[in-house]
C-alpha cells in the first residue's frame, strides 16, 4: 500500500517585485526521499524551501502536509532574541528529558550549547539552527546550505548522520561531494520551472546539458518555422487576405511563444590577470612558531611555496588557518621563525568575512571608490586589470543587472556578495591569490568557472576551503593543521591527503610539532598492518559510537516503559519506537563491524 506523501505543493505561483519566481509549480516529497535542490544563485532555491516550510505564502496554489507530520526548516538567520545561550535556542522545542539528543548533535557539529547568544558569531548561530533541526528529528527536514561554516570533520559527521537516518530531507548545498553522497533524487530550478529526476546529484550536469540541448533544438525548429511563415506572410498574404487570417494569427501565436521563452542566464565573465611574473620562490617560511596564550597555532613549521603552486590549507574551525595565511603574507608576525617573500609579488585577497565589502554602500561605490581600482575624475569607470570600463558593464559581466548597481550590498544574497567580491578581486592584476573560504554560497556553475579560471592562472594560489571536491580539483598540495601546533604538508588534494595522513598516535607519543614543505613529488605509503587508514580510524571511532547508541537505547527504553505513553501521546510513542528500533539495528551493525575490524587488526 502506497504511503501518503509528506508534503505536496500544487499549482504554486509566486511573484516578488513584479517578477514571477514560480508559476503553476507542483511537486511531492515522499517518505524516505533524499532530494538535492539545485539551481543557479538567484533562481529561487531558498524561496522554494521557505514555501515548502510554510514560511512564505504563495500567491496561488496549495501546500498540503498530512496531520501529524512535522516539517523542520534550518533557518539561515534564526531569531535568538528570547534566548540566553545557543543551547537554550537549540533545545527550545525538545520534549522534557530528551536533551541528550542535542548533546549528541552538538558533539558531532563541534557546537558549544553554552555559548552566549550575545557573543555568538554568524557561523555559530547557523550551527545552532542546524543542531536544533537535527535534535528535533522531524519527519521532513529542509536543509539550506547546512555545510556552510562547518569544517571538514563536522561535514563528514553530518554526512554520516544523514546517510543513516530514515527521515526524508531536501538539501541545498554547493558541496558536490556532500550532494553525491546523500541524494537519491534531484530537483532542478531553472527559470521558474522545477524538474525532478529520480537519481542523485551524480550525473546531474549531464542531465542538465541534455535538457538544454533539447531546448536549443526545439527553439531552433521554432525559429525556422517562424521564418518560413513570415516569408509566406510577406509574399503571399495580399492576394489571399480573407482566406488566410487563421494562418496569420498562428504566426502571431508563434512569435508570442518565442518571445515568452526565457533565455538561460549566462556565466559570469571571470578572468584573472596574473600581472607581472613573480620570482620562482614565492614564500619561504622557516621555523614558524605562533601562539596566543595557551593556544599554539603552529610550532617549528617550514614551508616553501614556488610560483604556480596551488596550496590548500585544511583543518578544524578555530585551528588557525587564517592566522597562518596572514603570517605567510607578512600581515601577522610569528613569535619566532622567519618568512621571506619572493620578488615582484602583487597580492590579492578574498576574505571569508567579506570585510572588503562595505555593506551599506552600493555595488557601484564598492567597485569605484576602492583606491586600487578608481579612475581619477571618472566615478562611472572602474579599472579592470589596467583598462577603464564602465561600472555597469563590468557588473553585468558578473551577472548583476543595472537595477542592482545602485542597491546596497546588504541587499544581496550570500552568493551574490561572493560574486561581487570576486569582481573586486579580478579587477586588479595579481600574481599571488589568497582565497579564504571562496566557495561559500556559490552555485555549482560558478564554482566550475572559478575552478577553470584558477587552472589557467599563471600565478600562485593559497586556499582555505572545507569543500573537499573543490580542493581535489584545484590544489597541488594540501597543508593539514591538526591542532596544538601540528602541521604537515602533503602532495595533491583532499583525497590524496586522506589517503596519506598517518595513523593517529597517543598524545604522549606524538611529536610536539612537524615541519612541513610542499613536496615536488611524493609516494603514498602503503597502510601498515592489515587495515587501511580509513579502517583504522573507524576501529578507533566505533567504541564511542557503540557507547552513544547504548546510552540512547537506554533513555528510549526508559521513555517507552511508561504504560500510559501510547494512550496519552501516540505520535511520541510511535517516534520513540521507531527510534529505538533504528538504534538497536545500528548498535548490532556497529558491534559486528568492530569485531570484524578488531580480528583483522
Protein backbone atom coordinates (compact mmCIF):
# COMPACT_ATOMS: atom_id res chain seq x y z
CA UNK A 1 0.00 0.00 0.00
CA UNK A 2 1.43 3.37 -1.05
CA UNK A 3 2.20 5.75 1.79
CA UNK A 4 0.81 9.27 1.81
CA UNK A 5 3.30 11.98 0.76
CA UNK A 6 4.90 14.06 3.50
CA UNK A 7 4.45 17.29 1.56
CA UNK A 8 2.62 18.30 -1.59
CA UNK A 9 2.69 21.60 -3.45
CA UNK A 10 0.00 22.07 -6.11
CA UNK A 11 -0.24 24.91 -8.62
CA UNK A 12 2.08 27.22 -6.69
CA UNK A 13 2.58 30.69 -8.19
CA UNK A 14 4.68 33.37 -6.51
CA UNK A 15 5.75 36.85 -7.60
CA UNK A 16 8.33 39.14 -5.96
CA UNK A 17 8.69 42.74 -7.09
CA UNK A 18 6.67 42.17 -10.25
CA UNK A 19 8.82 39.25 -11.40
CA UNK A 20 7.37 35.71 -11.27
CA UNK A 21 9.52 33.32 -9.26
CA UNK A 22 7.30 30.26 -9.84
CA UNK A 23 4.20 29.74 -11.94
CA UNK A 24 1.91 26.71 -11.56
CA UNK A 25 4.60 24.71 -9.75
CA UNK A 26 3.71 21.29 -8.37
CA UNK A 27 5.89 18.78 -6.52
CA UNK A 28 5.65 15.98 -3.97
CA UNK A 29 8.02 14.77 -1.25
CA UNK A 30 7.55 11.14 -0.26
CA UNK A 31 8.67 9.34 2.94
CA UNK A 32 12.35 8.39 2.63
CA UNK A 33 13.09 10.93 -0.11
CA UNK A 34 16.64 12.32 -0.15
CA UNK A 35 16.44 15.22 -2.55
CA UNK A 36 19.13 17.61 -3.79
CA UNK A 37 17.62 21.00 -4.67
CA UNK A 38 19.90 22.67 -7.22
CA UNK A 39 19.93 25.75 -9.43
CA UNK A 40 21.79 28.97 -10.09
CA UNK A 41 22.19 31.64 -7.41
CA UNK A 42 19.02 33.72 -7.51
CA UNK A 43 16.93 31.00 -9.17
CA UNK A 44 14.66 30.70 -6.12
CA UNK A 45 16.01 27.66 -4.25
CA UNK A 46 15.76 29.23 -0.78
CA UNK A 47 12.40 30.79 -1.63
CA UNK A 48 11.01 27.41 -2.70
CA UNK A 49 12.32 25.86 0.51
CA UNK A 50 10.54 28.54 2.56
CA UNK A 51 7.32 27.82 0.66
CA UNK A 52 7.79 24.13 1.49
CA UNK A 53 8.34 25.07 5.15
CA UNK A 54 5.19 27.23 5.19
CA UNK A 55 7.20 30.40 5.92
CA UNK A 56 6.36 32.10 2.60
CA UNK A 57 2.77 32.12 1.37
CA UNK A 58 2.28 31.66 -2.35
CA UNK A 59 0.05 33.98 -4.39
CA UNK A 60 -1.85 30.95 -5.67
CA UNK A 61 -1.80 27.21 -5.09
CA UNK A 62 -1.90 24.94 -2.08
CA UNK A 63 0.59 23.41 0.35
CA UNK A 64 -0.57 20.13 1.90
CA UNK A 65 1.01 18.40 4.90
CA UNK A 66 -0.83 15.38 6.40
CA UNK A 67 -1.94 15.64 10.06
CA UNK A 68 0.78 14.50 12.47
CA UNK A 69 3.63 15.09 10.00
CA UNK A 70 6.23 17.63 11.14
CA UNK A 71 8.35 19.65 8.72
CA UNK A 72 11.54 21.21 10.06
CA UNK A 73 13.45 24.04 8.41
CA UNK A 74 17.02 25.10 9.10
CA UNK A 75 16.85 28.85 9.48
CA UNK A 76 19.73 30.82 7.94
CA UNK A 77 19.28 33.76 10.32
CA UNK A 78 17.37 32.43 13.35
CA UNK A 79 15.76 34.78 15.85
CA UNK A 80 17.66 34.19 19.10
CA UNK A 81 16.46 37.30 20.92
CA UNK A 82 14.47 35.30 23.51
CA UNK A 83 17.35 33.03 24.49
CA UNK A 84 20.41 33.48 26.69
CA UNK A 85 22.56 30.76 25.10
CA UNK A 86 22.67 28.92 21.80
CA UNK A 87 21.80 25.72 23.66
CA UNK A 88 18.62 27.29 25.05
CA UNK A 89 17.55 28.06 21.48
CA UNK A 90 18.52 24.67 20.07
CA UNK A 91 16.67 22.76 22.82
CA UNK A 92 13.61 25.02 22.92
CA UNK A 93 11.25 22.55 21.19
CA UNK A 94 12.64 19.30 22.60
CA UNK A 95 10.36 17.25 24.89
CA UNK A 96 11.35 17.14 28.54
CA UNK A 97 14.04 14.57 29.22
CA UNK A 98 15.32 14.42 25.65
CA UNK A 99 18.13 16.98 25.92
CA UNK A 100 20.53 14.12 25.23
CA UNK A 101 19.62 14.46 21.55
CA UNK A 102 21.11 17.95 21.47
CA UNK A 103 24.23 16.79 23.32
CA UNK A 104 24.86 14.10 20.68
CA UNK A 105 24.38 16.53 17.79
CA UNK A 106 26.44 19.26 19.46
CA UNK A 107 29.40 16.93 19.84
CA UNK A 108 29.30 15.94 16.18
CA UNK A 109 28.94 19.53 14.91
CA UNK A 110 31.58 20.90 17.33
CA UNK A 111 28.86 23.21 18.61
CA UNK A 112 29.02 24.61 22.17
CA UNK A 113 25.49 24.98 23.59
CA UNK A 114 26.81 27.17 26.42
CA UNK A 115 27.86 29.95 24.02
CA UNK A 116 26.04 33.19 24.93
CA UNK A 117 23.79 34.49 22.17
CA UNK A 118 25.24 37.99 22.63
CA UNK A 119 28.75 36.89 21.61
CA UNK A 120 27.87 34.18 19.06
CA UNK A 121 29.16 34.62 15.52
CA UNK A 122 27.00 34.19 12.43
CA UNK A 123 28.53 30.77 11.85
CA UNK A 124 27.80 29.66 15.42
CA UNK A 125 24.19 30.78 15.06
CA UNK A 126 23.80 28.75 11.89
CA UNK A 127 25.30 25.70 13.57
CA UNK A 128 22.79 26.18 16.40
CA UNK A 129 19.95 26.22 13.85
CA UNK A 130 21.29 23.02 12.28
CA UNK A 131 21.71 21.36 15.70
CA UNK A 132 18.14 22.34 16.63
CA UNK A 133 16.73 20.74 13.49
CA UNK A 134 18.73 17.51 13.83
CA UNK A 135 17.85 17.14 17.52
CA UNK A 136 14.12 17.64 16.85
CA UNK A 137 14.19 14.95 14.12
CA UNK A 138 11.03 15.91 12.18
CA UNK A 139 9.58 13.62 9.50
CA UNK A 140 10.86 16.01 6.81
CA UNK A 141 13.99 18.15 7.13
CA UNK A 142 14.61 21.16 4.89
CA UNK A 143 18.36 21.96 4.90
CA UNK A 144 19.52 25.19 3.25
CA UNK A 145 23.34 25.17 2.89
CA UNK A 146 23.95 23.18 6.09
CA UNK A 147 27.69 22.75 5.41
CA UNK A 148 28.47 26.49 5.37
CA UNK A 149 30.69 27.36 8.36
CA UNK A 150 31.34 23.68 9.13
CA UNK A 151 34.85 22.29 8.95
CA UNK A 152 35.51 19.07 7.05
CA UNK A 153 35.35 16.89 10.16
CA UNK A 154 31.90 18.25 11.04
CA UNK A 155 30.77 17.91 7.42
CA UNK A 156 31.82 14.25 7.42
CA UNK A 157 29.95 13.70 10.70
CA UNK A 158 26.81 15.34 9.27
CA UNK A 159 27.15 13.30 6.08
CA UNK A 160 27.35 10.07 8.10
CA UNK A 161 24.39 11.12 10.27
CA UNK A 162 22.16 11.91 7.28
CA UNK A 163 23.21 8.78 5.41
CA UNK A 164 21.77 6.56 8.16
CA UNK A 165 18.60 8.48 9.00
CA UNK A 166 15.15 7.34 7.94
CA UNK A 167 13.99 10.94 7.88
CA UNK A 168 13.24 12.43 4.46
CA UNK A 169 15.16 15.58 3.59
CA UNK A 170 15.53 18.23 0.92
CA UNK A 171 19.04 19.63 0.68
CA UNK A 172 20.55 22.78 -0.83
CA UNK A 173 24.35 22.73 -0.97
CA UNK A 174 27.25 23.79 -3.17
CA UNK A 175 29.35 20.89 -1.84
CA UNK A 176 29.43 18.33 -4.66
CA UNK A 177 30.88 15.54 -2.50
CA UNK A 178 28.12 16.08 0.08
CA UNK A 179 25.37 16.04 -2.57
CA UNK A 180 26.76 12.97 -4.32
CA UNK A 181 26.99 11.02 -1.07
CA UNK A 182 23.47 11.78 0.17
CA UNK A 183 20.99 12.48 -2.63
CA UNK A 184 18.74 9.90 -4.28
CA UNK A 185 16.66 12.40 -6.31
CA UNK A 186 17.26 15.85 -7.80
CA UNK A 187 15.00 18.90 -8.07
CA UNK A 188 16.39 21.43 -10.55
CA UNK A 189 15.08 25.00 -10.60
CA UNK A 190 15.69 26.70 -13.93
CA UNK A 191 13.95 29.94 -14.93
CA UNK A 192 10.94 29.33 -12.71
CA UNK A 193 10.43 25.71 -13.76
CA UNK A 194 11.17 22.81 -11.41
CA UNK A 195 12.18 19.49 -12.94
CA UNK A 196 12.55 16.27 -10.97
CA UNK A 197 14.95 13.44 -11.73
CA UNK A 198 14.74 10.26 -9.67
CA UNK A 199 18.51 9.93 -9.40
CA UNK A 200 21.04 11.64 -7.17
CA UNK A 201 23.31 14.58 -7.93
CA UNK A 202 25.80 12.28 -9.64
CA UNK A 203 25.00 12.73 -13.31
CA UNK A 204 23.08 16.00 -12.80
CA UNK A 205 25.35 18.01 -15.05
CA UNK A 206 24.96 15.52 -17.93
CA UNK A 207 21.17 15.61 -17.46
CA UNK A 208 21.19 19.42 -17.43
CA UNK A 209 23.20 19.60 -20.66
CA UNK A 210 20.83 17.11 -22.33
CA UNK A 211 17.79 19.18 -21.33
CA UNK A 212 19.41 22.35 -22.61
CA UNK A 213 20.42 20.69 -25.89
CA UNK A 214 16.83 19.53 -26.44
CA UNK A 215 15.61 23.02 -25.60
CA UNK A 216 18.03 24.60 -28.09
CA UNK A 217 16.91 22.18 -30.80
CA UNK A 218 13.23 22.98 -30.15
CA UNK A 219 13.99 26.73 -30.23
CA UNK A 220 15.89 26.32 -33.49
CA UNK A 221 12.93 24.49 -35.07
CA UNK A 222 10.55 27.20 -33.82
CA UNK A 223 12.77 29.94 -35.29
CA UNK A 224 12.82 28.16 -38.65
CA UNK A 225 9.04 27.81 -38.63
CA UNK A 226 8.56 31.49 -37.76
CA UNK A 227 10.95 32.47 -40.56
CA UNK A 228 9.07 30.29 -43.06
CA UNK A 229 5.66 31.63 -42.02
CA UNK A 230 6.89 35.22 -42.02
CA UNK A 231 8.18 34.81 -45.57
CA UNK A 232 4.80 33.45 -46.66
CA UNK A 233 3.05 36.37 -44.96
CA UNK A 234 5.14 38.97 -46.79
CA UNK A 235 5.00 37.35 -50.20
CA UNK A 236 1.51 35.86 -50.41
CA UNK A 237 -0.91 37.37 -47.96
CA UNK A 238 -2.11 40.29 -50.09
CA UNK A 239 -3.78 38.00 -52.63
CA UNK A 240 -5.35 35.73 -50.04
CA UNK A 241 -6.12 38.12 -47.21
CA UNK A 242 -9.59 36.86 -46.28
CA UNK A 243 -8.86 33.12 -46.54
CA UNK A 244 -5.64 33.15 -44.53
CA UNK A 245 -6.31 35.22 -41.44
CA UNK A 246 -6.07 32.00 -39.39
CA UNK A 247 -2.54 31.42 -40.63
CA UNK A 248 -1.63 34.99 -39.76
CA UNK A 249 -2.98 34.52 -36.26
CA UNK A 250 -0.95 31.29 -35.99
CA UNK A 251 2.20 33.24 -36.96
CA UNK A 252 1.43 35.80 -34.28
CA UNK A 253 0.99 32.99 -31.75
CA UNK A 254 4.37 31.50 -32.77
CA UNK A 255 6.07 34.87 -32.28
CA UNK A 256 4.39 35.29 -28.89
CA UNK A 257 5.58 31.82 -27.88
CA UNK A 258 9.14 32.65 -28.93
CA UNK A 259 9.07 35.96 -27.11
CA UNK A 260 7.78 34.32 -23.92
CA UNK A 261 10.68 31.90 -23.78
CA UNK A 262 13.12 32.86 -21.05
CA UNK A 263 16.74 32.72 -22.08
CA UNK A 264 19.17 30.90 -19.86
CA UNK A 265 21.36 33.03 -17.67
CA UNK A 266 24.89 33.14 -18.98
CA UNK A 267 28.01 32.53 -16.96
CA UNK A 268 29.94 35.25 -15.21
CA UNK A 269 32.84 36.66 -17.23
CA UNK A 270 35.51 35.65 -14.75
CA UNK A 271 39.06 36.47 -15.75
CA UNK A 272 42.31 36.80 -13.84
CA UNK A 273 45.34 38.78 -14.91
CA UNK A 274 48.42 37.31 -13.28
CA UNK A 275 50.19 40.65 -13.67
CA UNK A 276 53.98 40.73 -13.69
CA UNK A 277 55.73 37.41 -13.21
CA UNK A 278 56.86 36.84 -9.66
CA UNK A 279 60.16 35.26 -8.70
CA UNK A 280 60.33 31.48 -8.80
CA UNK A 281 60.34 31.30 -5.00
CA UNK A 282 57.16 32.94 -3.70
CA UNK A 283 57.27 32.18 0.05
CA UNK A 284 59.98 30.67 2.24
CA UNK A 285 58.94 30.05 5.87
CA UNK A 286 61.47 28.62 8.34
CA UNK A 287 60.78 27.57 11.93
CA UNK A 288 57.47 29.41 12.29
CA UNK A 289 56.02 29.34 15.78
CA UNK A 290 52.94 31.25 16.85
CA UNK A 291 50.81 31.04 20.00
CA UNK A 292 48.11 33.12 21.66
CA UNK A 293 48.28 32.42 25.36
CA UNK A 294 47.93 28.66 25.86
CA UNK A 295 46.78 28.09 22.28
CA UNK A 296 49.55 27.11 19.88
CA UNK A 297 48.77 27.79 16.22
CA UNK A 298 51.95 26.41 14.73
CA UNK A 299 55.27 25.21 16.09
CA UNK A 300 58.51 24.75 14.17
CA UNK A 301 56.82 24.99 10.77
CA UNK A 302 58.76 25.11 7.48
CA UNK A 303 57.14 25.78 4.11
CA UNK A 304 58.38 26.62 0.63
CA UNK A 305 55.88 27.79 -1.99
CA UNK A 306 57.02 28.09 -5.61
CA UNK A 307 55.49 30.07 -8.45
CA UNK A 308 52.41 28.28 -9.82
CA UNK A 309 51.72 26.19 -6.69
CA UNK A 310 48.13 25.84 -5.50
CA UNK A 311 48.29 25.14 -1.78
CA UNK A 312 45.14 24.28 0.20
CA UNK A 313 45.04 24.71 4.00
CA UNK A 314 42.67 22.38 5.85
CA UNK A 315 41.83 21.70 9.48
CA UNK A 316 39.11 22.15 12.12
CA UNK A 317 37.44 25.52 12.65
CA UNK A 318 39.49 27.67 15.01
CA UNK A 319 42.75 25.79 14.43
CA UNK A 320 44.38 28.92 12.95
CA UNK A 321 44.28 28.54 9.15
CA UNK A 322 43.58 32.23 8.51
CA UNK A 323 46.26 33.24 11.03
CA UNK A 324 48.81 31.06 9.23
CA UNK A 325 47.87 32.61 5.89
CA UNK A 326 48.40 36.07 7.37
CA UNK A 327 51.80 35.02 8.73
CA UNK A 328 52.84 33.70 5.32
CA UNK A 329 51.97 37.04 3.68
CA UNK A 330 53.58 39.18 6.41
CA UNK A 331 50.33 40.56 7.84
CA UNK A 332 50.86 38.79 11.20
CA UNK A 333 54.26 38.32 12.76
CA UNK A 334 55.28 34.93 14.23
CA UNK A 335 56.63 34.60 17.75
CA UNK A 336 59.72 33.03 16.23
CA UNK A 337 60.90 31.94 12.83
CA UNK A 338 61.14 33.86 9.57
CA UNK A 339 59.03 34.40 6.45
CA UNK A 340 60.77 35.56 3.27
CA UNK A 341 58.54 36.74 0.44
CA UNK A 342 59.66 36.41 -3.15
CA UNK A 343 60.29 39.26 -5.53
CA UNK A 344 57.76 41.26 -7.55
CA UNK A 345 54.71 39.99 -5.66
CA UNK A 346 51.27 41.54 -6.20
CA UNK A 347 48.82 40.04 -3.69
CA UNK A 348 45.02 39.91 -3.99
CA UNK A 349 42.90 38.67 -1.06
CA UNK A 350 39.43 37.10 -0.90
CA UNK A 351 38.49 37.10 2.80
CA UNK A 352 35.89 34.78 4.26
CA UNK A 353 34.19 37.51 6.32
CA UNK A 354 33.68 39.72 3.23
CA UNK A 355 35.09 42.68 5.21
CA UNK A 356 36.44 44.17 1.99
CA UNK A 357 32.83 44.92 1.04
CA UNK A 358 31.03 47.94 2.51
CA UNK A 359 27.56 46.53 3.19
CA UNK A 360 25.90 49.94 3.40
CA UNK A 361 27.43 51.25 0.18
CA UNK A 362 26.12 50.37 -3.28
CA UNK A 363 27.65 47.83 -5.64
CA UNK A 364 28.70 50.81 -7.78
CA UNK A 365 30.57 52.52 -4.93
CA UNK A 366 32.18 49.28 -3.78
CA UNK A 367 33.85 48.99 -7.17
CA UNK A 368 34.70 52.63 -7.92
CA UNK A 369 35.72 54.02 -4.54
CA UNK A 370 38.39 51.38 -3.88
CA UNK A 371 41.68 53.28 -4.37
CA UNK A 372 43.24 50.30 -6.15
CA UNK A 373 40.65 50.48 -8.93
CA UNK A 374 39.36 54.03 -9.14
CA UNK A 375 39.96 56.13 -12.28
CA UNK A 376 40.69 59.67 -11.19
CA UNK A 377 37.83 62.00 -12.08
CA UNK A 378 35.69 59.26 -13.62
CA UNK A 379 33.36 57.85 -10.98
CA UNK A 380 31.45 55.73 -13.50
CA UNK A 381 34.60 53.88 -14.54
CA UNK A 382 36.45 51.02 -12.91
CA UNK A 383 39.98 49.98 -13.76
CA UNK A 384 39.85 46.36 -14.87
CA UNK A 385 43.37 44.99 -15.00
CA UNK A 386 44.69 48.31 -16.27
CA UNK A 387 41.83 49.15 -18.67
CA UNK A 388 38.93 51.51 -17.77
CA UNK A 389 35.45 50.01 -18.11
CA UNK A 390 32.00 51.35 -17.29
CA UNK A 391 30.95 50.05 -13.88
CA UNK A 392 27.54 48.79 -15.08
CA UNK A 393 29.13 46.87 -17.95
CA UNK A 394 31.58 45.29 -15.52
CA UNK A 395 28.80 44.36 -13.11
CA UNK A 396 26.91 42.71 -15.97
CA UNK A 397 30.00 40.55 -16.57
CA UNK A 398 29.35 39.14 -13.10
CA UNK A 399 25.59 38.64 -13.71
CA UNK A 400 24.35 41.76 -11.91
CA UNK A 401 21.71 43.82 -13.71
CA UNK A 402 21.65 47.61 -13.99
CA UNK A 403 18.94 47.95 -11.33
CA UNK A 404 21.23 46.34 -8.76
CA UNK A 405 24.14 48.72 -9.40
CA UNK A 406 22.83 51.39 -7.00
CA UNK A 407 21.41 48.94 -4.45
CA UNK A 408 23.24 48.45 -1.12
CA UNK A 409 25.43 45.38 -0.81
CA UNK A 410 23.46 44.26 2.27
CA UNK A 411 20.50 43.54 -0.07
CA UNK A 412 22.47 40.83 -1.88
CA UNK A 413 22.36 37.13 -1.15
CA UNK A 414 25.44 35.34 0.14
CA UNK A 415 26.26 34.03 -3.34
CA UNK A 416 25.87 37.48 -4.88
CA UNK A 417 28.19 39.02 -2.27
CA UNK A 418 30.79 36.37 -3.06
CA UNK A 419 30.46 37.20 -6.77
CA UNK A 420 30.87 40.94 -6.08
CA UNK A 421 33.99 40.28 -4.02
CA UNK A 422 35.37 38.19 -6.89
CA UNK A 423 34.62 41.12 -9.22
CA UNK A 424 36.74 43.40 -7.00
CA UNK A 425 39.48 40.80 -6.76
CA UNK A 426 39.61 40.13 -10.50
CA UNK A 427 39.72 43.79 -11.45
CA UNK A 428 43.26 44.10 -10.11
CA UNK A 429 46.35 42.39 -11.52
CA UNK A 430 47.93 39.90 -9.12
CA UNK A 431 50.38 37.02 -9.07
CA UNK A 432 49.55 35.68 -5.58
CA UNK A 433 45.91 34.95 -4.73
CA UNK A 434 44.82 34.42 -1.12
CA UNK A 435 41.39 32.74 -1.15
CA UNK A 436 39.88 32.28 2.32
CA UNK A 437 36.65 30.26 2.02
CA UNK A 438 35.79 31.40 -1.53
CA UNK A 439 33.27 28.59 -2.16
CA UNK A 440 30.68 29.52 0.49
CA UNK A 441 27.30 30.32 -1.12
CA UNK A 442 28.49 29.99 -4.74
CA UNK A 443 26.39 27.83 -7.04
CA UNK A 444 27.84 24.81 -8.82
CA UNK A 445 28.17 26.58 -12.19
CA UNK A 446 30.12 29.48 -10.64
CA UNK A 447 32.36 27.04 -8.78
CA UNK A 448 33.09 25.29 -12.09
CA UNK A 449 34.02 28.60 -13.66
CA UNK A 450 36.22 29.63 -10.72
CA UNK A 451 38.00 26.30 -10.87
CA UNK A 452 38.68 26.73 -14.60
CA UNK A 453 39.98 30.26 -14.07
CA UNK A 454 42.35 29.12 -11.32
CA UNK A 455 43.56 26.32 -13.59
CA UNK A 456 44.58 28.86 -16.23
CA UNK A 457 46.01 31.39 -13.75
CA UNK A 458 49.77 31.87 -14.12
CA UNK A 459 50.25 33.00 -10.54
CA UNK A 460 50.25 31.23 -7.16
CA UNK A 461 47.20 30.38 -5.04
CA UNK A 462 46.90 29.88 -1.27
CA UNK A 463 43.44 28.48 -0.50
CA UNK A 464 41.40 27.77 2.64
CA UNK A 465 38.30 25.69 1.99
CA UNK A 466 36.12 22.99 3.53
CA UNK A 467 34.84 21.89 0.10
CA UNK A 468 36.55 18.55 -0.49
CA UNK A 469 35.64 18.36 -4.16
CA UNK A 470 36.90 21.89 -4.87
CA UNK A 471 40.21 21.16 -3.09
CA UNK A 472 40.62 17.98 -5.15
CA UNK A 473 40.02 19.91 -8.37
CA UNK A 474 42.31 22.86 -7.59
CA UNK A 475 45.08 22.04 -5.10
CA UNK A 476 48.52 20.72 -5.99
CA UNK A 477 49.40 20.41 -2.29
CA UNK A 478 47.46 20.28 0.98
CA UNK A 479 48.69 21.63 4.32
CA UNK A 480 46.88 19.91 7.19
CA UNK A 481 46.60 21.76 10.50
CA UNK A 482 45.76 19.23 13.21
CA UNK A 483 45.80 21.45 16.29
CA UNK A 484 48.31 22.03 19.11
CA UNK A 485 50.78 23.41 16.58
CA UNK A 486 50.97 20.24 14.45
CA UNK A 487 51.16 20.95 10.72
CA UNK A 488 52.10 18.72 7.79
CA UNK A 489 52.08 19.19 4.01
CA UNK A 490 51.03 16.53 1.52
CA UNK A 491 51.13 16.48 -2.28
CA UNK A 492 47.75 16.61 -4.05
CA UNK A 493 44.26 17.50 -2.92
CA UNK A 494 41.95 16.35 -0.13
CA UNK A 495 41.59 12.76 -1.34
CA UNK A 496 45.37 12.43 -1.61
CA UNK A 497 45.80 13.81 1.91
CA UNK A 498 43.12 11.47 3.29
CA UNK A 499 44.98 8.50 1.77
CA UNK A 500 48.40 9.60 3.03
CA UNK A 501 47.81 11.00 6.50
CA UNK A 502 49.44 8.84 9.17
CA UNK A 503 47.70 6.80 11.81
CA UNK A 504 46.91 8.95 14.88
CA UNK A 505 49.09 8.18 17.89
CA UNK A 506 48.66 8.83 21.58
CA UNK A 507 49.46 12.33 22.73
CA UNK A 508 52.43 11.06 24.76
CA UNK A 509 53.92 9.54 21.61
CA UNK A 510 53.14 12.35 19.21
CA UNK A 511 55.94 14.81 18.49
CA UNK A 512 55.25 18.36 19.58
CA UNK A 513 55.49 19.64 16.01
CA UNK A 514 56.11 18.63 12.46
CA UNK A 515 57.88 20.73 9.91
CA UNK A 516 56.27 20.86 6.51
CA UNK A 517 57.30 21.71 2.99
CA UNK A 518 55.36 21.40 -0.22
CA UNK A 519 56.98 18.34 -1.81
CA UNK A 520 57.57 18.29 -5.52
CA UNK A 521 56.77 14.60 -5.67
CA UNK A 522 55.77 12.03 -3.10
CA UNK A 523 54.52 8.49 -2.95
CA UNK A 524 51.75 7.32 -0.67
CA UNK A 525 52.95 4.80 1.86
CA UNK A 526 51.10 1.52 1.95
CA UNK A 527 48.99 1.14 5.10
CA UNK A 528 50.75 -0.68 7.89
CA UNK A 529 49.14 -3.78 9.34
CA UNK A 530 46.03 -5.45 7.99
CA UNK A 531 43.83 -2.32 7.92
CA UNK A 532 43.75 0.75 5.73
CA UNK A 533 43.91 4.18 7.33
CA UNK A 534 40.14 4.61 6.98
CA UNK A 535 39.54 1.23 8.62
CA UNK A 536 41.94 2.00 11.49
CA UNK A 537 40.19 5.30 12.07
CA UNK A 538 36.83 3.53 12.01
CA UNK A 539 38.07 0.96 14.55
CA UNK A 540 39.04 3.81 16.89
CA UNK A 541 35.70 5.60 16.48
CA UNK A 542 33.39 2.60 16.86
CA UNK A 543 33.64 2.28 20.69
CA UNK A 544 32.38 5.86 21.08
CA UNK A 545 29.58 5.19 18.61
CA UNK A 546 28.60 1.99 20.42
CA UNK A 547 28.58 3.79 23.78
CA UNK A 548 26.42 6.58 22.37
CA UNK A 549 23.93 4.12 20.86
CA UNK A 550 23.72 2.17 24.12
CA UNK A 551 23.04 5.39 26.03
CA UNK A 552 20.29 6.43 23.60
CA UNK A 553 18.72 2.96 23.69
CA UNK A 554 18.64 3.12 27.49
CA UNK A 555 16.90 6.50 27.50
CA UNK A 556 14.40 5.46 24.83
CA UNK A 557 13.63 2.23 26.69
CA UNK A 558 13.02 4.23 29.86
CA UNK A 559 10.68 6.54 27.96
CA UNK A 560 8.72 3.62 26.46
CA UNK A 561 8.43 1.96 29.88
CA UNK A 562 5.65 4.45 30.67
CA UNK A 563 2.44 2.35 30.21
CA UNK A 564 0.34 5.46 29.61
CA UNK A 565 2.54 6.90 26.84
CA UNK A 566 0.73 5.16 23.96
CA UNK A 567 -2.67 6.44 25.07
CA UNK A 568 -1.51 9.88 26.14
CA UNK A 569 0.88 10.72 23.28
CA UNK A 570 0.53 8.21 20.42
CA UNK A 571 2.71 10.22 17.99
CA UNK A 572 5.53 10.46 20.52
CA UNK A 573 5.17 6.73 21.25
CA UNK A 574 5.45 5.90 17.53
CA UNK A 575 8.52 8.08 17.04
CA UNK A 576 10.24 6.67 20.12
CA UNK A 577 9.51 3.11 18.99
CA UNK A 578 10.93 3.77 15.53
CA UNK A 579 13.99 5.46 17.04
CA UNK A 580 14.57 2.53 19.38
CA UNK A 581 14.38 0.01 16.53
CA UNK A 582 16.71 2.13 14.40
CA UNK A 583 19.32 2.44 17.16
CA UNK A 584 19.15 -1.25 18.06
CA UNK A 585 19.81 -2.13 14.42
CA UNK A 586 22.66 0.39 14.27
CA UNK A 587 24.16 -0.98 17.51
CA UNK A 588 24.13 -4.53 16.20
CA UNK A 589 25.81 -3.43 12.98
CA UNK A 590 28.43 -1.38 14.84
CA UNK A 591 29.30 -4.25 17.19
CA UNK A 592 29.64 -6.66 14.26
CA UNK A 593 31.83 -4.20 12.36
CA UNK A 594 34.06 -3.66 15.42
CA UNK A 595 34.55 -7.40 15.89
CA UNK A 596 35.48 -7.89 12.23
CA UNK A 597 37.95 -4.98 12.20
CA UNK A 598 39.48 -5.95 15.56
CA UNK A 599 40.03 -9.50 14.34
CA UNK A 600 41.74 -8.28 11.16
CA UNK A 601 43.89 -5.84 13.12
